[in-house]
Protein backbone atom coordinates (compact mmCIF):
# COMPACT_ATOMS: atom_id res chain seq x y z
CA MET A 1 90.29 198.73 -41.67
CA LYS A 2 86.81 197.41 -42.58
CA LYS A 3 87.39 194.02 -40.25
CA LEU A 4 87.88 196.36 -37.16
CA ILE A 5 84.28 198.37 -38.18
CA VAL A 6 82.56 194.86 -38.64
CA LEU A 7 84.36 193.73 -35.00
CA LEU A 8 83.66 197.61 -33.22
CA THR A 9 80.08 197.43 -34.85
CA LEU A 10 79.45 193.90 -33.53
CA SER A 11 81.20 194.80 -30.17
CA THR A 12 78.71 198.09 -29.40
CA LEU A 13 75.31 195.81 -30.71
CA SER A 14 76.33 192.81 -28.55
CA SER A 15 77.21 195.38 -25.81
CA SER A 16 74.02 193.78 -23.22
CA VAL A 17 75.41 190.19 -23.64
CA LEU A 18 79.15 191.70 -22.96
CA ALA A 19 78.46 193.94 -20.53
CA GLN A 20 80.37 191.94 -17.46
CA GLU A 21 83.53 192.57 -19.10
CA THR A 22 85.47 195.10 -17.56
CA SER A 23 86.30 197.10 -21.14
CA TRP A 24 85.49 197.14 -24.89
CA LEU A 25 88.59 196.35 -25.46
CA ASP A 26 88.51 192.63 -23.51
CA SER A 27 84.81 192.93 -25.58
CA LEU A 28 86.34 192.46 -28.40
CA LYS A 29 89.44 190.53 -27.63
CA ASN A 30 86.52 187.81 -26.58
CA LEU A 31 84.45 188.46 -29.37
CA VAL A 32 87.51 187.29 -31.80
CA GLY A 33 88.65 185.33 -29.27
CA LEU A 34 91.83 186.66 -28.10
CA GLY A 35 90.33 186.75 -24.93
CA GLU A 36 90.70 185.03 -21.25
CA ALA A 37 88.23 182.34 -21.79
CA LYS A 38 89.77 180.04 -19.26
CA GLU A 39 88.69 181.84 -16.13
CA GLN A 40 84.98 181.55 -17.70
CA THR A 41 85.29 177.71 -18.57
CA VAL A 42 86.81 176.83 -14.89
CA GLU A 43 83.53 178.84 -13.26
CA ALA A 44 81.16 177.10 -15.44
CA ALA A 45 82.76 173.51 -14.84
CA THR A 46 83.09 174.04 -11.41
CA SER A 47 79.54 175.46 -10.78
CA ALA A 48 78.16 171.88 -12.44
CA MET A 49 80.31 170.14 -9.71
CA PRO A 50 77.68 168.69 -7.10
CA SER A 51 77.99 169.90 -3.57
CA ALA A 52 76.47 170.02 -0.14
CA ASP A 53 75.38 174.10 -0.84
CA GLY A 54 73.66 173.18 -3.85
CA LEU A 55 71.65 169.84 -2.91
CA VAL A 56 70.22 172.15 0.46
CA GLY A 57 69.60 174.92 -2.28
CA MET A 58 67.76 172.58 -4.43
CA LEU A 59 65.50 171.14 -1.63
CA THR A 60 65.21 173.99 0.05
CA SER A 61 63.17 175.72 -3.52
CA GLY A 62 62.09 172.38 -4.82
CA LEU A 63 60.17 170.84 -1.55
CA GLY A 64 59.53 174.09 0.37
CA VAL A 65 61.43 173.02 3.15
CA ASN A 66 63.86 175.81 5.39
CA ASN A 67 67.35 175.18 5.17
CA ASN A 68 67.44 174.11 8.12
CA GLN A 69 65.25 171.03 7.69
CA ALA A 70 66.71 170.55 4.26
CA SER A 71 70.40 170.69 6.15
CA GLY A 72 68.94 167.97 8.81
CA GLY A 73 66.87 165.75 6.82
CA MET A 74 69.88 165.42 3.83
CA GLY A 75 72.05 164.94 6.45
CA ALA A 76 70.17 162.15 8.51
CA ILE A 77 69.90 160.48 5.04
CA LEU A 78 73.57 160.09 4.23
CA ASN A 79 74.63 159.27 7.84
CA TYR A 80 72.42 156.22 6.86
CA VAL A 81 73.97 155.51 4.05
CA LYS A 82 77.22 156.00 5.28
CA GLY A 83 76.19 152.92 7.59
CA ASN A 84 75.77 150.90 4.79
CA VAL A 85 78.32 151.44 2.27
CA SER A 86 82.49 151.17 3.09
CA THR A 87 84.38 153.45 4.25
CA ASP A 88 86.26 153.93 1.08
CA GLN A 89 82.24 154.23 -0.72
CA PHE A 90 81.54 157.29 1.55
CA GLY A 91 84.65 158.58 1.21
CA GLN A 92 83.84 158.71 -2.41
CA LEU A 93 80.62 159.98 -1.94
CA ALA A 94 82.16 162.77 0.41
CA LYS A 95 85.07 163.88 -2.56
CA SER A 96 82.48 163.95 -4.76
CA ILE A 97 80.01 166.10 -2.76
CA PRO A 98 81.99 168.58 -0.96
CA GLY A 99 80.56 169.44 2.59
CA VAL A 100 78.83 166.25 3.28
CA ASP A 101 79.97 165.70 6.58
CA GLY A 102 78.90 169.23 7.32
CA LEU A 103 75.41 167.92 6.55
CA ILE A 104 76.02 165.42 8.72
CA GLY A 105 76.35 167.08 11.89
CA GLN A 106 73.34 169.26 10.77
CA MET A 107 70.80 166.17 11.54
CA PRO A 108 69.06 166.01 14.65
CA ASP A 109 70.57 164.64 17.86
CA LEU A 110 67.85 162.23 19.52
CA SER A 111 69.36 161.64 22.58
CA LYS A 112 68.33 164.87 22.85
CA ILE A 113 64.58 164.59 22.10
CA SER A 114 61.75 162.65 23.68
CA SER A 115 60.86 159.67 21.97
CA ALA A 116 58.22 159.70 19.34
CA SER A 117 54.93 158.73 20.06
CA GLU A 118 54.52 154.85 20.99
CA ASP A 119 50.76 154.82 19.66
CA GLY A 120 49.86 153.36 16.17
CA ILE A 121 52.13 152.55 13.56
CA GLY A 122 55.14 155.09 14.77
CA GLY A 123 55.34 153.10 18.29
CA LEU A 124 55.27 149.88 16.85
CA LEU A 125 58.34 150.58 14.45
CA ASN A 126 59.87 152.27 17.65
CA LYS A 127 59.49 149.29 19.71
CA ALA A 128 60.64 146.75 16.47
CA ALA A 129 63.88 148.84 16.62
CA GLU A 130 65.37 148.02 19.24
CA TYR A 131 65.03 144.39 18.42
CA SER A 132 66.63 144.93 14.99
CA ASP A 133 69.84 147.17 13.62
CA SER A 134 68.36 147.75 10.43
CA LEU A 135 64.98 148.56 11.00
CA LYS A 136 66.73 150.97 14.20
CA SER A 137 68.72 153.00 11.24
CA ILE A 138 65.23 153.27 9.19
CA ASN A 139 63.82 154.59 12.49
CA ASP A 140 66.48 156.76 13.06
CA VAL A 141 65.83 159.19 10.06
CA LYS A 142 62.54 158.59 10.40
CA ASN A 143 62.45 160.28 13.56
CA GLN A 144 64.94 162.80 12.38
CA PHE A 145 62.95 163.78 9.72
CA GLU A 146 59.71 164.44 12.66
CA ALA A 147 62.26 166.30 15.26
CA LEU A 148 62.86 169.23 12.11
CA GLY A 149 58.91 169.12 11.85
CA LEU A 150 59.01 166.71 8.75
CA LYS A 151 56.57 164.34 7.54
CA PRO A 152 58.32 160.78 7.55
CA GLU A 153 56.44 160.55 3.62
CA MET A 154 59.16 163.26 2.79
CA ILE A 155 62.37 160.67 3.08
CA SER A 156 61.48 159.29 -0.22
CA GLN A 157 60.79 163.11 -1.63
CA PHE A 158 64.51 164.08 -0.42
CA ILE A 159 65.92 160.98 -1.71
CA SER A 160 64.32 161.72 -5.25
CA ALA A 161 65.52 165.51 -5.50
CA ALA A 162 68.79 164.32 -4.52
CA GLN A 163 68.93 161.40 -7.03
CA SER A 164 67.79 163.91 -9.58
CA TYR A 165 70.49 166.47 -8.57
CA LEU A 166 73.41 163.88 -9.03
CA ASN A 167 72.04 163.12 -12.35
CA THR A 168 75.16 164.75 -14.01
CA GLU A 169 77.88 163.68 -15.80
CA GLN A 170 80.11 165.24 -12.77
CA GLY A 171 77.12 162.94 -9.63
CA GLN A 172 76.98 159.88 -11.15
CA GLN A 173 79.45 158.46 -8.88
CA ALA A 174 77.42 159.93 -6.19
CA LYS A 175 74.41 158.98 -7.38
CA LYS A 176 75.39 155.37 -7.18
CA ILE A 177 77.02 155.15 -3.86
CA LEU A 178 73.59 156.63 -2.64
CA THR A 179 71.42 154.41 -4.29
CA ASP A 180 73.43 151.48 -3.16
CA GLY A 181 73.55 152.80 0.99
CA LEU A 182 69.82 153.61 0.69
CA GLY A 183 69.30 149.89 0.08
CA LYS A 184 66.36 149.20 2.58
CA LEU A 185 65.51 152.79 3.19
CA LEU A 186 63.98 152.43 -0.89
CA GLY A 187 62.61 149.29 -0.53
């Protein structure tokens, strides 16, 4: 009887912590270890898994960009990675970060955008890209960022933020594939 009184008292005292439970009986069961913690464990594990939505959310809050810019910019970077890793590796990346293909679909279509300025370094890069596939890929990412209203300097910020986002136990494989695929864009 004393144990029941102690448990009820503890349940009442911790009601703010257990307010999300459906009833006092469920709270009491959870307190003594008889409740259904299975759903909470699955939710916690799922929330720790990387996703395209989580990545976009982190970019919008961390870099001060809007949802369209975050999705399109990350899509441009992921499309670059897709061209620089094997199909199997990109498949593993897409499996590790659900929604990757959707991000790639959000990147600006450069064929519908007038060509960038032909002045200065941007013009030189545009001209050099005509003769090198590698430079063309890098130039495309730069032009896609500009089409989104982002400065090309933000490419490295997006990459750093994505690598930080994937710096979890569940994201390590995706982080490695992302970093490997970025190769010349980083260097």
